[in-house]
Each structure stands twice: as structure tokens, then as C-alpha cells.
PDB file of N, CA and C in Angstrom:
ATOM      1  N   MET A   1     -15.660   2.573  18.507  1.00  0.00           N
ATOM      2  CA  MET A   1     -15.199   1.217  18.312  1.00  0.00           C
ATOM      3  C   MET A   1     -16.029   0.251  19.130  1.00  0.00           C
ATOM      4  N   LEU A   2     -16.157  -0.923  18.609  1.00  0.00           N
ATOM      5  CA  LEU A   2     -16.916  -1.958  19.297  1.00  0.00           C
ATOM      6  C   LEU A   2     -16.241  -2.380  20.593  1.00  0.00           C
ATOM      7  N   THR A   3     -14.916  -2.334  20.605  1.00  0.00           N
ATOM      8  CA  THR A   3     -14.199  -2.790  21.799  1.00  0.00           C
ATOM      9  C   THR A   3     -14.385  -1.855  22.985  1.00  0.00           C
ATOM     10  N   MET A   4     -14.869  -0.649  22.754  1.00  0.00           N
ATOM     11  CA  MET A   4     -15.112   0.256  23.880  1.00  0.00           C
ATOM     12  C   MET A   4     -16.272  -0.252  24.738  1.00  0.00           C
ATOM     13  N   LEU A   5     -17.137  -1.072  24.140  1.00  0.00           N
ATOM     14  CA  LEU A   5     -18.245  -1.639  24.907  1.00  0.00           C
ATOM     15  C   LEU A   5     -17.788  -2.779  25.808  1.00  0.00           C
ATOM     16  N   TRP A   6     -16.666  -3.372  25.468  1.00  0.00           N
ATOM     17  CA  TRP A   6     -16.140  -4.464  26.277  1.00  0.00           C
ATOM     18  C   TRP A   6     -15.312  -3.881  27.414  1.00  0.00           C
ATOM     19  N   THR A   7     -15.664  -4.188  28.626  1.00  0.00           N
ATOM     20  CA  THR A   7     -14.961  -3.612  29.771  1.00  0.00           C
ATOM     21  C   THR A   7     -13.759  -4.448  30.189  1.00  0.00           C
ATOM     22  N   GLU A   8     -13.715  -5.704  29.773  1.00  0.00           N
ATOM     23  CA  GLU A   8     -12.618  -6.568  30.203  1.00  0.00           C
ATOM     24  C   GLU A   8     -11.349  -6.349  29.389  1.00  0.00           C
ATOM     25  N   VAL A   9     -11.485  -5.934  28.148  1.00  0.00           N
ATOM     26  CA  VAL A   9     -10.331  -5.786  27.262  1.00  0.00           C
ATOM     27  C   VAL A   9     -10.038  -4.302  27.092  1.00  0.00           C
ATOM     28  N   LYS A  10      -8.808  -3.916  27.370  1.00  0.00           N
ATOM     29  CA  LYS A  10      -8.391  -2.519  27.203  1.00  0.00           C
ATOM     30  C   LYS A  10      -7.276  -2.462  26.173  1.00  0.00           C
ATOM     31  N   PHE A  11      -7.447  -1.605  25.184  1.00  0.00           N
ATOM     32  CA  PHE A  11      -6.430  -1.409  24.164  1.00  0.00           C
ATOM     33  C   PHE A  11      -5.871  -0.004  24.306  1.00  0.00           C
ATOM     34  N   ASN A  12      -4.552   0.113  24.199  1.00  0.00           N
ATOM     35  CA  ASN A  12      -3.977   1.450  24.247  1.00  0.00           C
ATOM     36  C   ASN A  12      -3.882   2.008  22.826  1.00  0.00           C
ATOM     37  N   ASP A  13      -3.476   3.261  22.715  1.00  0.00           N
ATOM     38  CA  ASP A  13      -3.454   3.939  21.420  1.00  0.00           C
ATOM     39  C   ASP A  13      -2.445   3.329  20.459  1.00  0.00           C
ATOM     40  N   ILE A  14      -1.351   2.805  20.963  1.00  0.00           N
ATOM     41  CA  ILE A  14      -0.321   2.232  20.089  1.00  0.00           C
ATOM     42  C   ILE A  14      -0.839   0.966  19.414  1.00  0.00           C
ATOM     43  N   VAL A  15      -1.515   0.118  20.144  1.00  0.00           N
ATOM     44  CA  VAL A  15      -2.062  -1.112  19.568  1.00  0.00           C
ATOM     45  C   VAL A  15      -3.104  -0.782  18.505  1.00  0.00           C
ATOM     46  N   VAL A  16      -3.956   0.175  18.779  1.00  0.00           N
ATOM     47  CA  VAL A  16      -4.990   0.565  17.821  1.00  0.00           C
ATOM     48  C   VAL A  16      -4.365   1.173  16.572  1.00  0.00           C
ATOM     49  N   SER A  17      -3.365   2.028  16.738  1.00  0.00           N
ATOM     50  CA  SER A  17      -2.741   2.656  15.569  1.00  0.00           C
ATOM     51  C   SER A  17      -1.983   1.633  14.726  1.00  0.00           C
ATOM     52  N   LEU A  18      -1.327   0.670  15.346  1.00  0.00           N
ATOM     53  CA  LEU A  18      -0.656  -0.390  14.586  1.00  0.00           C
ATOM     54  C   LEU A  18      -1.659  -1.252  13.827  1.00  0.00           C
ATOM     55  N   THR A  19      -2.787  -1.517  14.455  1.00  0.00           N
ATOM     56  CA  THR A  19      -3.813  -2.322  13.802  1.00  0.00           C
ATOM     57  C   THR A  19      -4.372  -1.617  12.573  1.00  0.00           C
ATOM     58  N   TYR A  20      -4.604  -0.321  12.670  1.00  0.00           N
ATOM     59  CA  TYR A  20      -5.167   0.416  11.548  1.00  0.00           C
ATOM     60  C   TYR A  20      -4.142   0.730  10.468  1.00  0.00           C
ATOM     61  N   SER A  21      -2.875   0.846  10.819  1.00  0.00           N
ATOM     62  CA  SER A  21      -1.871   1.209   9.821  1.00  0.00           C
ATOM     63  C   SER A  21      -1.288   0.009   9.083  1.00  0.00           C
ATOM     64  N   MET A  22      -1.506  -1.191   9.569  1.00  0.00           N
ATOM     65  CA  MET A  22      -0.907  -2.376   8.950  1.00  0.00           C
ATOM     66  C   MET A  22      -1.348  -2.603   7.501  1.00  0.00           C
ATOM     67  N   PRO A  23      -2.622  -2.474   7.125  1.00  0.00           N
ATOM     68  CA  PRO A  23      -2.976  -2.676   5.710  1.00  0.00           C
ATOM     69  C   PRO A  23      -2.287  -1.681   4.773  1.00  0.00           C
ATOM     70  N   GLY A  24      -2.148  -0.446   5.184  1.00  0.00           N
ATOM     71  CA  GLY A  24      -1.444   0.529   4.359  1.00  0.00           C
ATOM     72  C   GLY A  24       0.027   0.200   4.224  1.00  0.00           C
ATOM     73  N   PHE A  25       0.637  -0.232   5.310  1.00  0.00           N
ATOM     74  CA  PHE A  25       2.045  -0.618   5.275  1.00  0.00           C
ATOM     75  C   PHE A  25       2.254  -1.817   4.357  1.00  0.00           C
ATOM     76  N   LEU A  26       1.377  -2.813   4.442  1.00  0.00           N
ATOM     77  CA  LEU A  26       1.490  -3.986   3.579  1.00  0.00           C
ATOM     78  C   LEU A  26       1.277  -3.622   2.116  1.00  0.00           C
ATOM     79  N   SER A  27       0.413  -2.656   1.842  1.00  0.00           N
ATOM     80  CA  SER A  27       0.196  -2.208   0.470  1.00  0.00           C
ATOM     81  C   SER A  27       1.448  -1.546  -0.096  1.00  0.00           C
ATOM     82  N   ILE A  28       2.124  -0.748   0.711  1.00  0.00           N
ATOM     83  CA  ILE A  28       3.363  -0.101   0.266  1.00  0.00           C
ATOM     84  C   ILE A  28       4.445  -1.147   0.010  1.00  0.00           C
ATOM     85  N   VAL A  29       4.578  -2.123   0.901  1.00  0.00           N
ATOM     86  CA  VAL A  29       5.572  -3.186   0.721  1.00  0.00           C
ATOM     87  C   VAL A  29       5.264  -3.997  -0.532  1.00  0.00           C
ATOM     88  N   ASN A  30       3.990  -4.294  -0.762  1.00  0.00           N
ATOM     89  CA  ASN A  30       3.593  -5.049  -1.943  1.00  0.00           C
ATOM     90  C   ASN A  30       3.919  -4.278  -3.223  1.00  0.00           C
ATOM     91  N   THR A  31       3.704  -2.978  -3.229  1.00  0.00           N
ATOM     92  CA  THR A  31       4.027  -2.160  -4.397  1.00  0.00           C
ATOM     93  C   THR A  31       5.525  -2.159  -4.663  1.00  0.00           C
ATOM     94  N   ILE A  32       6.324  -2.048  -3.626  1.00  0.00           N
ATOM     95  CA  ILE A  32       7.784  -2.057  -3.789  1.00  0.00           C
ATOM     96  C   ILE A  32       8.255  -3.407  -4.329  1.00  0.00           C
ATOM     97  N   LEU A  33       7.721  -4.494  -3.793  1.00  0.00           N
ATOM     98  CA  LEU A  33       8.117  -5.819  -4.270  1.00  0.00           C
ATOM     99  C   LEU A  33       7.687  -6.049  -5.716  1.00  0.00           C
ATOM    100  N   ASN A  34       6.502  -5.585  -6.077  1.00  0.00           N
ATOM    101  CA  ASN A  34       6.073  -5.689  -7.474  1.00  0.00           C
ATOM    102  C   ASN A  34       6.994  -4.892  -8.381  1.00  0.00           C
ATOM    103  N   PHE A  35       7.409  -3.717  -7.941  1.00  0.00           N
ATOM    104  CA  PHE A  35       8.301  -2.881  -8.743  1.00  0.00           C
ATOM    105  C   PHE A  35       9.654  -3.565  -8.939  1.00  0.00           C
ATOM    106  N   ILE A  36      10.131  -4.262  -7.932  1.00  0.00           N
ATOM    107  CA  ILE A  36      11.435  -4.926  -8.024  1.00  0.00           C
ATOM    108  C   ILE A  36      11.367  -6.164  -8.916  1.00  0.00           C
ATOM    109  N   PHE A  37      10.329  -6.972  -8.777  1.00  0.00           N
ATOM    110  CA  PHE A  37      10.326  -8.287  -9.406  1.00  0.00           C
ATOM    111  C   PHE A  37       9.543  -8.397 -10.715  1.00  0.00           C
ATOM    112  N   HIS A  38       8.723  -7.416 -11.062  1.00  0.00           N
ATOM    113  CA  HIS A  38       7.886  -7.539 -12.256  1.00  0.00           C
ATOM    114  C   HIS A  38       8.184  -6.415 -13.243  1.00  0.00           C
ATOM    115  N   ALA A  39       8.732  -6.792 -14.394  1.00  0.00           N
ATOM    116  CA  ALA A  39       9.109  -5.802 -15.411  1.00  0.00           C
ATOM    117  C   ALA A  39       7.886  -5.109 -15.997  1.00  0.00           C
ATOM    118  N   GLN A  40       6.804  -5.839 -16.188  1.00  0.00           N
ATOM    119  CA  GLN A  40       5.605  -5.223 -16.750  1.00  0.00           C
ATOM    120  C   GLN A  40       5.039  -4.176 -15.793  1.00  0.00           C
ATOM    121  N   PHE A  41       5.097  -4.424 -14.507  1.00  0.00           N
ATOM    122  CA  PHE A  41       4.641  -3.442 -13.521  1.00  0.00           C
ATOM    123  C   PHE A  41       5.496  -2.180 -13.596  1.00  0.00           C
ATOM    124  N   ARG A  42       6.823  -2.353 -13.734  1.00  0.00           N
ATOM    125  CA  ARG A  42       7.711  -1.194 -13.866  1.00  0.00           C
ATOM    126  C   ARG A  42       7.368  -0.383 -15.103  1.00  0.00           C
ATOM    127  N   ARG A  43       7.095  -1.063 -16.222  1.00  0.00           N
ATOM    128  CA  ARG A  43       6.742  -0.345 -17.451  1.00  0.00           C
ATOM    129  C   ARG A  43       5.439   0.425 -17.284  1.00  0.00           C
ATOM    130  N   GLN A  44       4.461  -0.175 -16.634  1.00  0.00           N
ATOM    131  CA  GLN A  44       3.187   0.512 -16.438  1.00  0.00           C
ATOM    132  C   GLN A  44       3.332   1.711 -15.509  1.00  0.00           C
ATOM    133  N   VAL A  45       4.132   1.575 -14.463  1.00  0.00           N
ATOM    134  CA  VAL A  45       4.361   2.709 -13.560  1.00  0.00           C
ATOM    135  C   VAL A  45       5.082   3.824 -14.299  1.00  0.00           C
ATOM    136  N   ALA A  46       6.078   3.465 -15.102  1.00  0.00           N
ATOM    137  CA  ALA A  46       6.805   4.473 -15.876  1.00  0.00           C
ATOM    138  C   ALA A  46       5.873   5.172 -16.851  1.00  0.00           C
ATOM    139  N   ARG A  47       4.972   4.426 -17.444  1.00  0.00           N
ATOM    140  CA  ARG A  47       4.020   5.039 -18.374  1.00  0.00           C
ATOM    141  C   ARG A  47       3.040   5.949 -17.633  1.00  0.00           C
ATOM    142  N   LEU A  48       2.607   5.538 -16.452  1.00  0.00           N
ATOM    143  CA  LEU A  48       1.656   6.348 -15.685  1.00  0.00           C
ATOM    144  C   LEU A  48       2.257   7.666 -15.218  1.00  0.00           C
ATOM    145  N   VAL A  49       3.530   7.670 -14.867  1.00  0.00           N
ATOM    146  CA  VAL A  49       4.160   8.903 -14.390  1.00  0.00           C
ATOM    147  C   VAL A  49       4.906   9.624 -15.507  1.00  0.00           C
ATOM    148  N   HIS A  50       4.647   9.198 -16.748  1.00  0.00           N
ATOM    149  CA  HIS A  50       5.186   9.851 -17.949  1.00  0.00           C
ATOM    150  C   HIS A  50       6.708   9.865 -17.977  1.00  0.00           C
ATOM    151  N   MET A  51       7.327   8.803 -17.477  1.00  0.00           N
ATOM    152  CA  MET A  51       8.776   8.697 -17.576  1.00  0.00           C
ATOM    153  C   MET A  51       9.178   7.952 -18.846  1.00  0.00           C
ATOM    154  N   GLU A  52       8.218   7.324 -19.484  1.00  0.00           N
ATOM    155  CA  GLU A  52       8.490   6.578 -20.697  1.00  0.00           C
ATOM    156  C   GLU A  52       7.757   7.258 -21.845  1.00  0.00           C
ATOM    157  N   ARG A  53       8.432   7.409 -22.952  1.00  0.00           N
ATOM    158  CA  ARG A  53       7.793   8.036 -24.104  1.00  0.00           C
ATOM    159  C   ARG A  53       6.806   7.065 -24.728  1.00  0.00           C
ATOM    160  N   ILE A  54       5.646   7.577 -25.024  1.00  0.00           N
ATOM    161  CA  ILE A  54       4.623   6.774 -25.675  1.00  0.00           C
ATOM    162  C   ILE A  54       4.730   7.034 -27.170  1.00  0.00           C
ATOM    163  N   SER A  55       5.032   5.996 -27.924  1.00  0.00           N
ATOM    164  CA  SER A  55       5.193   6.175 -29.363  1.00  0.00           C
ATOM    165  C   SER A  55       3.823   6.308 -30.007  1.00  0.00           C
ATOM    166  N   ARG A  56       3.691   7.316 -30.848  1.00  0.00           N
ATOM    167  CA  ARG A  56       2.433   7.551 -31.548  1.00  0.00           C
ATOM    168  C   ARG A  56       2.606   7.161 -33.005  1.00  0.00           C
ATOM    169  N   SER A  57       1.782   6.261 -33.428  1.00  0.00           N
ATOM    170  CA  SER A  57       1.846   5.880 -34.842  1.00  0.00           C
ATOM    171  C   SER A  57       0.834   6.712 -35.614  1.00  0.00           C
ATOM    172  N   SER A  58       1.289   7.286 -36.738  1.00  0.00           N
ATOM    173  CA  SER A  58       0.379   8.139 -37.500  1.00  0.00           C
ATOM    174  C   SER A  58       0.060   7.557 -38.847  1.00  0.00           C
TER     175      SER A  58
END
């Protein structure tokens, strides 16, 4: 890490782990909110995990 070169600023492991895990946490929250508020997103997720039958026209 670049901050290891700086001697004045010391970061502990908890601060570093929170900094690195925040984008993943926000992505999970964003996915949950999209699932709750957007019907088209729910339909696409259901189609991706094969919970919705795909009608085949012949």
C-alpha cells in the first residue's frame, strides 16, 4: 500500500478492511434495493435463475 510509505499516518487493520469492503457492501445493498423497487429487475433475476418459465413460441 502507498500509505505504508507515509510514516506520519498509521492505519490499523479494521480501518483498512472497512475501506476495502465498502464497495462490495454498497453493491449488495444496491442489488437488494433494485429487487424491492424495480419490477423489471425482479423479472430479469427470476429469468436468470430459472424461476420463471420462458415461453417458447413454435
